N, C-alpha and C. Protein backbone atom coordinates (compact mmCIF):
# COMPACT_ATOMS: atom_id res chain seq x y z
N UNK A 1 29.84 6.92 -2.07
CA UNK A 1 30.76 6.25 -1.17
C UNK A 1 30.12 4.98 -0.56
N UNK A 2 28.83 4.95 -0.24
CA UNK A 2 28.19 3.82 0.34
C UNK A 2 28.35 2.58 -0.61
N UNK A 3 28.09 2.84 -1.87
CA UNK A 3 28.21 1.68 -2.86
C UNK A 3 29.60 1.07 -2.82
N UNK A 4 30.65 1.94 -2.72
CA UNK A 4 32.04 1.47 -2.67
C UNK A 4 32.23 0.61 -1.45
N UNK A 5 31.68 1.05 -0.32
CA UNK A 5 31.83 0.30 0.89
C UNK A 5 31.15 -1.05 0.84
N UNK A 6 29.90 -1.00 0.29
CA UNK A 6 29.15 -2.28 0.15
C UNK A 6 29.85 -3.27 -0.72
N UNK A 7 30.69 -2.85 -1.65
CA UNK A 7 31.36 -3.82 -2.49
C UNK A 7 32.48 -4.49 -1.81
N UNK A 8 32.81 -4.04 -0.58
CA UNK A 8 33.91 -4.65 0.23
C UNK A 8 33.40 -5.38 1.39
N UNK A 9 32.24 -6.02 1.30
CA UNK A 9 31.68 -6.80 2.42
C UNK A 9 32.24 -8.22 2.35
N UNK A 10 32.74 -8.68 3.52
CA UNK A 10 33.14 -10.07 3.66
C UNK A 10 31.98 -10.94 3.67
N UNK A 11 31.92 -11.87 2.75
CA UNK A 11 30.72 -12.73 2.61
C UNK A 11 30.62 -13.75 3.80
N UNK A 12 31.78 -14.23 4.33
CA UNK A 12 31.74 -15.28 5.32
C UNK A 12 31.12 -14.86 6.65
N UNK A 13 31.34 -13.61 7.09
CA UNK A 13 30.83 -13.19 8.41
C UNK A 13 29.92 -11.98 8.29
N UNK A 14 29.72 -11.48 7.03
CA UNK A 14 28.74 -10.44 6.83
C UNK A 14 29.06 -9.09 7.30
N UNK A 15 30.33 -8.80 7.27
CA UNK A 15 30.73 -7.38 7.60
C UNK A 15 31.76 -6.90 6.62
N UNK A 16 32.04 -5.61 6.73
CA UNK A 16 33.02 -5.08 5.75
C UNK A 16 34.41 -5.59 5.98
N UNK A 17 35.21 -5.50 4.92
CA UNK A 17 36.61 -5.97 4.97
C UNK A 17 37.51 -4.78 5.31
N UNK A 18 38.82 -5.00 5.28
CA UNK A 18 39.81 -4.00 5.63
C UNK A 18 39.67 -2.74 4.70
N UNK A 19 39.46 -2.93 3.40
CA UNK A 19 39.31 -1.81 2.48
C UNK A 19 38.12 -0.99 2.83
N UNK A 20 37.03 -1.58 3.20
CA UNK A 20 35.84 -0.86 3.58
C UNK A 20 36.05 -0.13 4.91
N UNK A 21 36.86 -0.73 5.79
CA UNK A 21 37.19 -0.14 7.08
C UNK A 21 37.85 1.23 6.82
N UNK A 22 38.90 1.20 5.95
CA UNK A 22 39.61 2.43 5.73
C UNK A 22 38.74 3.51 5.03
N UNK A 23 37.87 3.10 4.13
CA UNK A 23 36.97 4.06 3.48
C UNK A 23 36.03 4.69 4.54
N UNK A 24 35.45 3.85 5.37
CA UNK A 24 34.52 4.36 6.39
C UNK A 24 35.23 5.27 7.41
N UNK A 25 36.42 4.85 7.84
CA UNK A 25 37.19 5.64 8.84
C UNK A 25 37.48 7.03 8.27
N UNK A 26 37.93 7.07 7.02
CA UNK A 26 38.24 8.35 6.43
C UNK A 26 37.01 9.22 6.39
N UNK A 27 35.90 8.67 5.96
CA UNK A 27 34.62 9.42 5.88
C UNK A 27 34.22 9.91 7.25
N UNK A 28 34.24 9.04 8.23
CA UNK A 28 33.79 9.38 9.62
C UNK A 28 34.70 10.37 10.22
N UNK A 29 36.02 10.22 10.03
CA UNK A 29 36.95 11.28 10.61
C UNK A 29 36.65 12.67 10.06
N UNK A 30 36.43 12.73 8.76
CA UNK A 30 36.13 14.02 8.17
C UNK A 30 34.81 14.57 8.72
N UNK A 31 33.79 13.72 8.85
CA UNK A 31 32.52 14.15 9.38
C UNK A 31 32.65 14.60 10.78
N UNK A 32 33.32 13.80 11.64
CA UNK A 32 33.46 14.15 13.06
C UNK A 32 34.28 15.40 13.28
N UNK A 33 35.28 15.62 12.44
CA UNK A 33 36.01 16.87 12.56
C UNK A 33 35.15 18.06 12.27
N UNK A 34 34.24 17.94 11.34
CA UNK A 34 33.26 19.05 10.99
C UNK A 34 32.29 19.29 12.15
N UNK A 35 31.75 18.17 12.73
CA UNK A 35 30.71 18.27 13.72
C UNK A 35 31.22 18.42 15.15
N UNK A 36 32.46 18.06 15.39
CA UNK A 36 33.04 18.08 16.71
C UNK A 36 32.73 16.88 17.59
N UNK A 37 32.15 15.88 16.98
CA UNK A 37 31.84 14.64 17.70
C UNK A 37 33.11 13.87 17.92
N UNK A 38 33.08 13.02 18.98
CA UNK A 38 34.19 12.07 19.20
C UNK A 38 33.91 10.86 18.34
N UNK A 39 35.04 10.22 18.04
CA UNK A 39 34.93 8.95 17.21
C UNK A 39 35.81 7.92 17.92
N UNK A 40 35.29 6.68 18.00
CA UNK A 40 36.09 5.62 18.70
C UNK A 40 36.25 4.44 17.82
N UNK A 41 37.36 3.74 18.01
CA UNK A 41 37.58 2.46 17.38
C UNK A 41 37.74 1.41 18.48
N UNK A 42 37.10 0.29 18.36
CA UNK A 42 37.30 -0.84 19.26
C UNK A 42 37.82 -1.98 18.39
N UNK A 43 39.07 -2.36 18.62
CA UNK A 43 39.66 -3.49 17.93
C UNK A 43 39.38 -4.71 18.75
N UNK A 44 38.83 -5.74 18.10
CA UNK A 44 38.43 -6.96 18.78
C UNK A 44 39.28 -8.12 18.25
N UNK A 45 39.86 -8.87 19.17
CA UNK A 45 40.60 -10.08 18.80
C UNK A 45 39.94 -11.25 19.44
N UNK A 46 39.59 -12.28 18.62
CA UNK A 46 39.00 -13.47 19.16
C UNK A 46 40.13 -14.29 19.79
N UNK A 47 40.06 -14.56 21.07
CA UNK A 47 41.12 -15.24 21.83
C UNK A 47 41.22 -16.66 21.36
N UNK A 48 42.45 -17.06 21.07
CA UNK A 48 42.82 -18.45 20.78
C UNK A 48 42.13 -19.09 19.61
N UNK A 49 41.85 -18.31 18.57
CA UNK A 49 41.18 -18.84 17.41
C UNK A 49 41.97 -19.95 16.71
N UNK A 50 43.30 -19.78 16.68
CA UNK A 50 44.16 -20.81 16.09
C UNK A 50 44.04 -22.10 16.89
N UNK A 51 43.98 -22.03 18.22
CA UNK A 51 43.87 -23.22 19.05
C UNK A 51 42.45 -23.85 18.83
N UNK A 52 41.48 -23.02 18.67
CA UNK A 52 40.12 -23.56 18.35
C UNK A 52 40.09 -24.28 17.05
N UNK A 53 40.68 -23.72 16.05
CA UNK A 53 40.80 -24.37 14.71
C UNK A 53 41.54 -25.67 14.85
N UNK A 54 42.67 -25.69 15.54
CA UNK A 54 43.45 -26.93 15.69
C UNK A 54 42.70 -28.01 16.49
N UNK A 55 42.01 -27.56 17.55
CA UNK A 55 41.34 -28.56 18.42
C UNK A 55 40.00 -29.04 17.91
N UNK A 56 39.21 -28.10 17.36
CA UNK A 56 37.85 -28.43 16.91
C UNK A 56 37.66 -28.49 15.44
N UNK A 57 38.57 -27.98 14.67
CA UNK A 57 38.48 -27.94 13.24
C UNK A 57 38.06 -26.58 12.71
N UNK A 58 38.40 -26.32 11.45
CA UNK A 58 38.13 -25.02 10.86
C UNK A 58 36.63 -24.68 10.70
N UNK A 59 35.78 -25.72 10.61
CA UNK A 59 34.39 -25.47 10.49
C UNK A 59 33.82 -24.83 11.80
N UNK A 60 34.32 -25.32 12.93
CA UNK A 60 33.96 -24.70 14.21
C UNK A 60 34.62 -23.31 14.35
N UNK A 61 35.84 -23.21 13.91
CA UNK A 61 36.49 -21.84 13.91
C UNK A 61 35.68 -20.83 13.12
N UNK A 62 35.23 -21.23 11.97
CA UNK A 62 34.39 -20.32 11.11
C UNK A 62 33.08 -19.98 11.82
N UNK A 63 32.51 -20.95 12.50
CA UNK A 63 31.28 -20.73 13.23
C UNK A 63 31.53 -19.76 14.36
N UNK A 64 32.64 -19.84 15.04
CA UNK A 64 33.04 -18.92 16.08
C UNK A 64 33.14 -17.46 15.53
N UNK A 65 33.81 -17.33 14.33
CA UNK A 65 33.85 -16.02 13.72
C UNK A 65 32.46 -15.50 13.41
N UNK A 66 31.60 -16.26 12.86
CA UNK A 66 30.23 -15.79 12.50
C UNK A 66 29.46 -15.44 13.77
N UNK A 67 29.57 -16.30 14.82
CA UNK A 67 28.77 -16.03 16.02
C UNK A 67 29.32 -14.77 16.79
N UNK A 68 30.62 -14.62 16.76
CA UNK A 68 31.16 -13.39 17.44
C UNK A 68 30.69 -12.14 16.65
N UNK A 69 30.79 -12.18 15.34
CA UNK A 69 30.33 -11.06 14.51
C UNK A 69 28.88 -10.75 14.77
N UNK A 70 28.07 -11.78 14.83
CA UNK A 70 26.62 -11.65 15.11
C UNK A 70 26.37 -11.02 16.50
N UNK A 71 27.10 -11.49 17.49
CA UNK A 71 26.89 -10.95 18.85
C UNK A 71 27.32 -9.49 18.90
N UNK A 72 28.43 -9.13 18.25
CA UNK A 72 28.85 -7.75 18.20
C UNK A 72 27.81 -6.91 17.52
N UNK A 73 27.33 -7.34 16.42
CA UNK A 73 26.29 -6.54 15.67
C UNK A 73 25.06 -6.31 16.51
N UNK A 74 24.69 -7.26 17.39
CA UNK A 74 23.53 -7.08 18.22
C UNK A 74 23.65 -5.90 19.20
N UNK A 75 24.90 -5.59 19.60
CA UNK A 75 25.12 -4.52 20.57
C UNK A 75 25.26 -3.15 19.87
N UNK A 76 25.68 -3.10 18.61
CA UNK A 76 25.96 -1.87 17.93
C UNK A 76 24.73 -1.06 17.72
N UNK A 77 24.96 0.27 17.68
CA UNK A 77 23.88 1.16 17.36
C UNK A 77 23.81 1.29 15.83
N UNK A 78 22.78 1.82 15.26
CA UNK A 78 22.64 1.89 13.78
C UNK A 78 23.70 2.71 13.18
N UNK A 79 24.31 3.65 13.92
CA UNK A 79 25.37 4.54 13.36
C UNK A 79 26.75 3.95 13.52
N UNK A 80 26.92 2.77 14.17
CA UNK A 80 28.18 2.12 14.32
C UNK A 80 28.43 1.17 13.18
N UNK A 81 29.70 0.80 12.96
CA UNK A 81 30.03 -0.04 11.82
C UNK A 81 31.00 -1.11 12.23
N UNK A 82 30.86 -2.35 11.70
CA UNK A 82 31.73 -3.48 12.05
C UNK A 82 32.43 -3.95 10.80
N UNK A 83 33.72 -4.21 10.99
CA UNK A 83 34.57 -4.64 9.92
C UNK A 83 35.45 -5.80 10.41
N UNK A 84 35.79 -6.65 9.47
CA UNK A 84 36.76 -7.71 9.78
C UNK A 84 38.09 -7.23 9.17
N UNK A 85 39.05 -6.99 10.09
CA UNK A 85 40.31 -6.45 9.66
C UNK A 85 41.39 -7.47 9.42
N UNK A 86 41.15 -8.67 9.90
CA UNK A 86 42.15 -9.76 9.73
C UNK A 86 41.55 -11.04 10.06
N UNK A 87 42.35 -12.08 10.15
CA UNK A 87 41.86 -13.44 10.39
C UNK A 87 40.98 -13.61 11.61
N UNK A 88 41.44 -13.08 12.75
CA UNK A 88 40.69 -13.20 13.95
C UNK A 88 40.41 -11.85 14.57
N UNK A 89 40.48 -10.79 13.82
CA UNK A 89 40.28 -9.46 14.29
C UNK A 89 39.09 -8.73 13.59
N UNK A 90 38.41 -7.99 14.40
CA UNK A 90 37.38 -7.12 13.89
C UNK A 90 37.64 -5.70 14.46
N UNK A 91 37.03 -4.72 13.83
CA UNK A 91 37.13 -3.32 14.27
C UNK A 91 35.69 -2.74 14.23
N UNK A 92 35.32 -2.15 15.35
CA UNK A 92 34.06 -1.35 15.46
C UNK A 92 34.46 0.06 15.32
N UNK A 93 33.76 0.79 14.38
CA UNK A 93 33.87 2.24 14.29
C UNK A 93 32.64 2.78 14.94
N UNK A 94 32.79 3.45 16.09
CA UNK A 94 31.65 3.92 16.84
C UNK A 94 31.58 5.45 16.76
N UNK A 95 30.53 5.94 16.11
CA UNK A 95 30.37 7.37 15.89
C UNK A 95 29.79 8.03 17.15
N UNK A 96 30.07 9.30 17.30
CA UNK A 96 29.60 10.08 18.46
C UNK A 96 29.75 9.26 19.76
N UNK A 97 30.95 8.74 19.97
CA UNK A 97 31.25 7.87 21.09
C UNK A 97 32.61 8.30 21.70
N UNK A 98 32.56 8.78 22.91
CA UNK A 98 33.78 9.16 23.55
C UNK A 98 34.46 7.93 24.32
N UNK A 99 35.53 8.18 24.89
CA UNK A 99 36.32 7.08 25.54
C UNK A 99 35.52 6.33 26.56
N UNK A 100 34.79 6.97 27.43
CA UNK A 100 34.01 6.27 28.44
C UNK A 100 32.93 5.40 27.84
N UNK A 101 32.25 5.92 26.84
CA UNK A 101 31.23 5.09 26.16
C UNK A 101 31.80 3.91 25.42
N UNK A 102 33.00 4.12 24.81
CA UNK A 102 33.69 3.09 24.07
C UNK A 102 34.10 1.96 25.05
N UNK A 103 34.60 2.34 26.25
CA UNK A 103 35.00 1.29 27.25
C UNK A 103 33.77 0.52 27.70
N UNK A 104 32.65 1.20 27.91
CA UNK A 104 31.43 0.54 28.29
C UNK A 104 31.00 -0.44 27.20
N UNK A 105 31.03 0.06 25.94
CA UNK A 105 30.64 -0.82 24.80
C UNK A 105 31.54 -2.06 24.76
N UNK A 106 32.86 -1.88 24.90
CA UNK A 106 33.81 -2.98 24.82
C UNK A 106 33.49 -4.02 25.94
N UNK A 107 33.23 -3.54 27.15
CA UNK A 107 32.86 -4.45 28.25
C UNK A 107 31.63 -5.26 27.97
N UNK A 108 30.63 -4.51 27.37
CA UNK A 108 29.42 -5.23 27.00
C UNK A 108 29.65 -6.31 25.92
N UNK A 109 30.48 -5.97 24.88
CA UNK A 109 30.84 -6.93 23.87
C UNK A 109 31.56 -8.12 24.44
N UNK A 110 32.47 -7.92 25.37
CA UNK A 110 33.14 -9.07 25.95
C UNK A 110 32.19 -9.93 26.73
N UNK A 111 31.22 -9.36 27.44
CA UNK A 111 30.23 -10.09 28.17
C UNK A 111 29.33 -10.88 27.22
N UNK A 112 28.92 -10.26 26.18
CA UNK A 112 28.03 -10.97 25.14
C UNK A 112 28.72 -12.14 24.57
N UNK A 113 30.00 -11.99 24.14
CA UNK A 113 30.72 -13.05 23.51
C UNK A 113 31.01 -14.16 24.51
N UNK A 114 31.32 -13.85 25.73
CA UNK A 114 31.60 -14.90 26.72
C UNK A 114 30.36 -15.76 27.04
N UNK A 115 29.10 -15.24 26.70
CA UNK A 115 27.92 -15.97 26.95
C UNK A 115 27.57 -16.89 25.75
N UNK A 116 28.31 -16.83 24.65
CA UNK A 116 28.05 -17.71 23.53
C UNK A 116 28.31 -19.13 23.97
N UNK A 117 27.42 -19.97 23.67
CA UNK A 117 27.51 -21.39 24.09
C UNK A 117 27.61 -22.27 22.83
N UNK A 118 28.88 -22.42 22.34
CA UNK A 118 29.11 -23.28 21.15
C UNK A 118 29.67 -24.58 21.64
N UNK A 119 29.18 -25.68 21.06
CA UNK A 119 29.64 -26.99 21.49
C UNK A 119 30.03 -27.75 20.24
N UNK A 120 31.09 -28.58 20.47
CA UNK A 120 31.56 -29.48 19.42
C UNK A 120 31.73 -30.88 20.06
N UNK A 121 30.97 -31.84 19.57
CA UNK A 121 31.03 -33.19 20.13
C UNK A 121 30.89 -33.15 21.63
N UNK A 122 29.87 -32.47 22.10
CA UNK A 122 29.52 -32.38 23.53
C UNK A 122 30.54 -31.66 24.34
N UNK A 123 31.49 -30.98 23.70
CA UNK A 123 32.50 -30.26 24.43
C UNK A 123 32.29 -28.72 24.16
N UNK A 124 32.31 -27.90 25.17
CA UNK A 124 32.11 -26.47 25.03
C UNK A 124 33.34 -25.85 24.40
N UNK A 125 33.11 -25.05 23.40
CA UNK A 125 34.16 -24.32 22.69
C UNK A 125 34.37 -22.99 23.48
N UNK A 126 35.58 -22.79 24.02
CA UNK A 126 35.81 -21.56 24.81
C UNK A 126 35.81 -20.34 23.85
N UNK A 127 34.96 -19.35 24.08
CA UNK A 127 34.83 -18.22 23.23
C UNK A 127 34.97 -16.97 24.06
N UNK A 128 35.97 -16.15 23.76
CA UNK A 128 36.17 -14.85 24.44
C UNK A 128 36.90 -13.91 23.47
N UNK A 129 36.90 -12.65 23.83
CA UNK A 129 37.57 -11.63 23.03
C UNK A 129 38.42 -10.72 23.93
N UNK A 130 39.41 -10.14 23.33
CA UNK A 130 40.18 -9.06 23.98
C UNK A 130 39.97 -7.85 23.09
N UNK A 131 39.90 -6.70 23.71
CA UNK A 131 39.59 -5.46 23.00
C UNK A 131 40.66 -4.41 23.21
N UNK A 132 40.80 -3.57 22.27
CA UNK A 132 41.62 -2.37 22.29
C UNK A 132 40.83 -1.21 21.89
N UNK A 133 40.96 -0.08 22.57
CA UNK A 133 40.11 1.05 22.36
C UNK A 133 40.91 2.31 22.12
N UNK A 134 40.43 3.15 21.20
CA UNK A 134 40.95 4.51 21.09
C UNK A 134 39.79 5.42 20.75
N UNK A 135 39.87 6.61 21.28
CA UNK A 135 38.84 7.63 21.02
C UNK A 135 39.55 8.96 20.78
N UNK A 136 39.10 9.64 19.73
CA UNK A 136 39.71 10.90 19.37
C UNK A 136 38.66 11.93 18.97
N UNK A 137 39.06 13.15 19.03
CA UNK A 137 38.17 14.28 18.54
C UNK A 137 39.03 15.41 18.13
N UNK A 138 38.48 16.34 17.38
CA UNK A 138 39.24 17.48 16.91
C UNK A 138 40.28 17.22 15.84
N UNK A 139 41.34 18.03 15.92
CA UNK A 139 42.42 17.96 14.88
C UNK A 139 43.15 16.65 14.88
N UNK A 140 43.14 15.94 15.98
CA UNK A 140 43.91 14.66 16.15
C UNK A 140 43.17 13.53 15.43
N UNK A 141 41.95 13.80 15.05
CA UNK A 141 41.11 12.77 14.48
C UNK A 141 41.56 12.37 13.05
N UNK A 142 42.42 11.33 12.97
CA UNK A 142 42.90 10.84 11.69
C UNK A 142 42.83 9.30 11.71
N UNK A 143 42.43 8.69 10.59
CA UNK A 143 42.22 7.24 10.60
C UNK A 143 43.46 6.46 11.05
N UNK A 144 44.62 6.80 10.60
CA UNK A 144 45.81 6.04 10.96
C UNK A 144 46.12 6.11 12.47
N UNK A 145 45.89 7.26 13.05
CA UNK A 145 46.15 7.50 14.51
C UNK A 145 45.07 6.73 15.32
N UNK A 146 43.86 6.81 14.92
CA UNK A 146 42.78 6.07 15.59
C UNK A 146 43.05 4.62 15.61
N UNK A 147 43.37 4.02 14.46
CA UNK A 147 43.63 2.55 14.36
C UNK A 147 44.94 2.16 15.10
N UNK A 148 45.97 2.97 14.94
CA UNK A 148 47.25 2.59 15.61
C UNK A 148 47.05 2.58 17.10
N UNK A 149 46.35 3.55 17.65
CA UNK A 149 46.18 3.55 19.13
C UNK A 149 45.26 2.43 19.59
N UNK A 150 44.25 2.08 18.78
CA UNK A 150 43.37 0.99 19.14
C UNK A 150 44.16 -0.34 19.15
N UNK A 151 45.06 -0.54 18.10
CA UNK A 151 45.90 -1.69 18.03
C UNK A 151 46.86 -1.75 19.17
N UNK A 152 47.46 -0.65 19.54
CA UNK A 152 48.39 -0.57 20.67
C UNK A 152 47.68 -0.92 21.98
N UNK A 153 46.49 -0.44 22.15
CA UNK A 153 45.69 -0.75 23.36
C UNK A 153 45.37 -2.26 23.35
N UNK A 154 45.06 -2.85 22.21
CA UNK A 154 44.80 -4.27 22.15
C UNK A 154 46.09 -5.11 22.55
N UNK A 155 47.18 -4.70 22.01
CA UNK A 155 48.49 -5.40 22.36
C UNK A 155 48.71 -5.27 23.85
N UNK A 156 48.47 -4.12 24.42
CA UNK A 156 48.66 -3.89 25.84
C UNK A 156 47.73 -4.81 26.64
N UNK A 157 46.45 -4.89 26.23
CA UNK A 157 45.47 -5.78 26.94
C UNK A 157 45.90 -7.20 26.84
N UNK A 158 46.38 -7.65 25.70
CA UNK A 158 46.86 -9.03 25.53
C UNK A 158 48.03 -9.33 26.47
N UNK A 159 48.96 -8.40 26.56
CA UNK A 159 50.14 -8.59 27.42
C UNK A 159 49.68 -8.68 28.85
N UNK A 160 48.75 -7.83 29.30
CA UNK A 160 48.23 -7.90 30.72
C UNK A 160 47.54 -9.20 30.95
N UNK A 161 46.82 -9.72 29.97
CA UNK A 161 46.08 -11.01 30.14
C UNK A 161 47.09 -12.15 30.27
N UNK A 162 48.25 -12.07 29.60
CA UNK A 162 49.19 -13.16 29.65
C UNK A 162 50.16 -13.06 30.78
N UNK A 163 50.12 -12.00 31.61
CA UNK A 163 51.10 -11.90 32.74
C UNK A 163 50.48 -12.30 33.98
């Protein structure tokens, strides 16, 4: 299974792609159901990446993607996994991680990313993320449920930020 996941690594930001995400989630859900551990997903959206691309150019936008991925990887434990699920979205699969621990991790990730100091032509590039979290254990632990709830929580967080 590990070889299959490694074949789905995004070269640009150095993390797994959406296919690798689903493979890993399936594997971790099965493992956690056997062991009784909690499993969490943290969906990460880079705020205003389209605006960053438009204002500073795609080269800076790509640098933001790489730096965010690097900052997230610094916080993860060896048992956690990072995937790029879309243009400006990442997903962390956090093993043996309940809801409280996932919220703490998400807050730390937001703080790390907000400390990134990227500049373009002497102008600071605003870098922040919004996160959505879901944590499951037991019979409810299914990849599609975990991701759907994490995505819903992300949408809710975005709506709250915009109101």
